[in-house]
Every structure is written in C-alpha cells, then in structure tokens.
C-alpha cells in the first residue's frame, strides 16, 4: 500500500488527528486535484466540484488539529468524497 493511501486512511479514520504530517497532507491534496492558495499561515485548498474549503495550518511540522476538526463534517476528505479518487 502506498504512502498516500496510508495517509488518506489515517485522515479518514480520524484517530491520529494530532499527528498528521503537514507536507504529506499538502502532497496528498495536490495529488487529489486540489489547488493551494496560501495567505499567511493558512493553506487553503480548493477543487472544482467540491464546495467545501479545506483550510490547514502547520504547527511543528504537523497539521494544526483545530483547523481540521472545525471542518470535520464539511471536509471532503473526511466525508469520503476524495477517497474514491484513488
């Protein structure tokens, strides 16, 4: 199983939200067809056909948990809409 698939599964399961590597998450989102816009420390990912915005911040090389948790219900990765792309 590839690294991207393993990371996607970790995100979808949601048990290790505090230990998701930021750079790997950026790479995964780009591989899933999202484009990135950076404003300050906020990395916003958008994709045509996906209404929700994914907003990530980096803290000590990891994704800031609060930025993910605040959008769990609206997050296209967590909701599984991106899982079918692999």
C-alpha atoms as a PDB file:
ATOM      1  CA  UNK A   1       0.000   0.000   0.000  1.00  0.00           C
ATOM      2  CA  UNK A   2       1.361   3.411  -0.959  1.00  0.00           C
ATOM      3  CA  UNK A   3       2.160   6.235   1.425  1.00  0.00           C
ATOM      4  CA  UNK A   4      -0.623   8.436   0.067  1.00  0.00           C
ATOM      5  CA  UNK A   5      -3.193   5.707   0.573  1.00  0.00           C
ATOM      6  CA  UNK A   6      -1.989   5.115   4.155  1.00  0.00           C
ATOM      7  CA  UNK A   7      -2.153   8.838   4.932  1.00  0.00           C
ATOM      8  CA  UNK A   8      -5.629   9.092   3.432  1.00  0.00           C
ATOM      9  CA  UNK A   9      -6.783   6.183   5.595  1.00  0.00           C
ATOM     10  CA  UNK A  10      -5.308   7.826   8.731  1.00  0.00           C
ATOM     11  CA  UNK A  11      -7.212  11.012   7.931  1.00  0.00           C
ATOM     12  CA  UNK A  12     -10.449   9.172   7.199  1.00  0.00           C
ATOM     13  CA  UNK A  13     -10.254   7.121  10.404  1.00  0.00           C
ATOM     14  CA  UNK A  14      -9.547  10.256  12.431  1.00  0.00           C
ATOM     15  CA  UNK A  15      -7.818   8.557  15.364  1.00  0.00           C
ATOM     16  CA  UNK A  16      -4.480  10.332  14.960  1.00  0.00           C
ATOM     17  CA  UNK A  17      -5.573  13.889  14.174  1.00  0.00           C
ATOM     18  CA  UNK A  18      -2.725  15.396  16.191  1.00  0.00           C
ATOM     19  CA  UNK A  19      -0.044  13.535  14.218  1.00  0.00           C
ATOM     20  CA  UNK A  20      -0.870  14.188  10.574  1.00  0.00           C
ATOM     21  CA  UNK A  21       2.284  15.388   8.733  1.00  0.00           C
ATOM     22  CA  UNK A  22       1.682  18.764   7.096  1.00  0.00           C
ATOM     23  CA  UNK A  23       3.854  18.362   3.975  1.00  0.00           C
ATOM     24  CA  UNK A  24       2.488  14.879   3.249  1.00  0.00           C
ATOM     25  CA  UNK A  25      -1.058  16.217   3.588  1.00  0.00           C
ATOM     26  CA  UNK A  26      -0.268  19.030   1.133  1.00  0.00           C
ATOM     27  CA  UNK A  27       1.145  16.498  -1.314  1.00  0.00           C
ATOM     28  CA  UNK A  28      -1.913  14.259  -0.914  1.00  0.00           C
ATOM     29  CA  UNK A  29      -4.360  17.106  -1.527  1.00  0.00           C
ATOM     30  CA  UNK A  30      -2.455  18.206  -4.630  1.00  0.00           C
ATOM     31  CA  UNK A  31      -2.476  14.596  -5.905  1.00  0.00           C
ATOM     32  CA  UNK A  32      -6.249  14.569  -5.388  1.00  0.00           C
ATOM     33  CA  UNK A  33      -6.546  17.569  -7.707  1.00  0.00           C
ATOM     34  CA  UNK A  34      -6.842  20.386  -5.175  1.00  0.00           C
ATOM     35  CA  UNK A  35      -5.167  23.717  -5.824  1.00  0.00           C
ATOM     36  CA  UNK A  36      -3.492  25.555  -2.975  1.00  0.00           C
ATOM     37  CA  UNK A  37      -3.753  29.209  -2.027  1.00  0.00           C
ATOM     38  CA  UNK A  38      -1.532  30.487   0.770  1.00  0.00           C
ATOM     39  CA  UNK A  39      -2.349  33.528   2.860  1.00  0.00           C
ATOM     40  CA  UNK A  40      -0.079  33.931   5.857  1.00  0.00           C
ATOM     41  CA  UNK A  41      -0.014  30.649   7.761  1.00  0.00           C
ATOM     42  CA  UNK A  42      -3.277  29.438   6.216  1.00  0.00           C
ATOM     43  CA  UNK A  43      -3.086  26.987   3.336  1.00  0.00           C
ATOM     44  CA  UNK A  44      -6.450  26.808   1.621  1.00  0.00           C
ATOM     45  CA  UNK A  45      -7.229  24.007  -0.778  1.00  0.00           C
ATOM     46  CA  UNK A  46      -9.994  24.189  -3.337  1.00  0.00           C
ATOM     47  CA  UNK A  47     -11.143  21.926  -6.120  1.00  0.00           C
ATOM     48  CA  UNK A  48     -13.737  22.271  -8.821  1.00  0.00           C
ATOM     49  CA  UNK A  49     -16.812  20.279  -7.923  1.00  0.00           C
ATOM     50  CA  UNK A  50     -16.083  20.380  -4.179  1.00  0.00           C
ATOM     51  CA  UNK A  51     -17.981  23.148  -2.386  1.00  0.00           C
ATOM     52  CA  UNK A  52     -16.099  22.965   0.898  1.00  0.00           C
ATOM     53  CA  UNK A  53     -12.806  24.695   1.553  1.00  0.00           C
ATOM     54  CA  UNK A  54     -10.000  22.811   3.288  1.00  0.00           C
ATOM     55  CA  UNK A  55      -8.002  25.158   5.490  1.00  0.00           C
ATOM     56  CA  UNK A  56      -4.789  23.836   7.064  1.00  0.00           C
ATOM     57  CA  UNK A  57      -2.135  25.420   9.252  1.00  0.00           C
ATOM     58  CA  UNK A  58       1.293  23.997  10.073  1.00  0.00           C
ATOM     59  CA  UNK A  59       2.434  23.670  13.687  1.00  0.00           C
ATOM     60  CA  UNK A  60       5.778  21.954  14.305  1.00  0.00           C
ATOM     61  CA  UNK A  61       5.587  20.057  11.007  1.00  0.00           C
ATOM     62  CA  UNK A  62       2.078  18.738  11.662  1.00  0.00           C
ATOM     63  CA  UNK A  63      -1.369  19.920  10.606  1.00  0.00           C
ATOM     64  CA  UNK A  64      -2.942  22.001  13.331  1.00  0.00           C
ATOM     65  CA  UNK A  65      -5.686  19.777  14.791  1.00  0.00           C
ATOM     66  CA  UNK A  66      -8.181  22.587  15.365  1.00  0.00           C
ATOM     67  CA  UNK A  67      -8.145  23.609  11.719  1.00  0.00           C
ATOM     68  CA  UNK A  68      -9.086  20.063  10.701  1.00  0.00           C
ATOM     69  CA  UNK A  69     -11.564  19.372  13.478  1.00  0.00           C
ATOM     70  CA  UNK A  70     -13.508  22.567  12.842  1.00  0.00           C
ATOM     71  CA  UNK A  71     -14.369  21.250   9.402  1.00  0.00           C
ATOM     72  CA  UNK A  72     -14.750  17.531  10.021  1.00  0.00           C
ATOM     73  CA  UNK A  73     -18.364  17.392   8.889  1.00  0.00           C
ATOM     74  CA  UNK A  74     -17.711  19.566   5.837  1.00  0.00           C
ATOM     75  CA  UNK A  75     -14.281  18.169   4.997  1.00  0.00           C
ATOM     76  CA  UNK A  76     -14.407  16.355   1.645  1.00  0.00           C
ATOM     77  CA  UNK A  77     -11.516  14.126   2.663  1.00  0.00           C
ATOM     78  CA  UNK A  78     -13.086  13.043   5.953  1.00  0.00           C
ATOM     79  CA  UNK A  79     -16.527  12.611   4.365  1.00  0.00           C
ATOM     80  CA  UNK A  80     -15.061  10.156   1.867  1.00  0.00           C
ATOM     81  CA  UNK A  81     -15.718  12.082  -1.330  1.00  0.00           C
ATOM     82  CA  UNK A  82     -11.985  12.119  -2.118  1.00  0.00           C
ATOM     83  CA  UNK A  83     -11.368   8.528  -1.076  1.00  0.00           C
ATOM     84  CA  UNK A  84     -12.830   7.226  -4.302  1.00  0.00           C
ATOM     85  CA  UNK A  85     -10.217   9.122  -6.336  1.00  0.00           C
ATOM     86  CA  UNK A  86      -7.530   6.547  -5.501  1.00  0.00           C
END
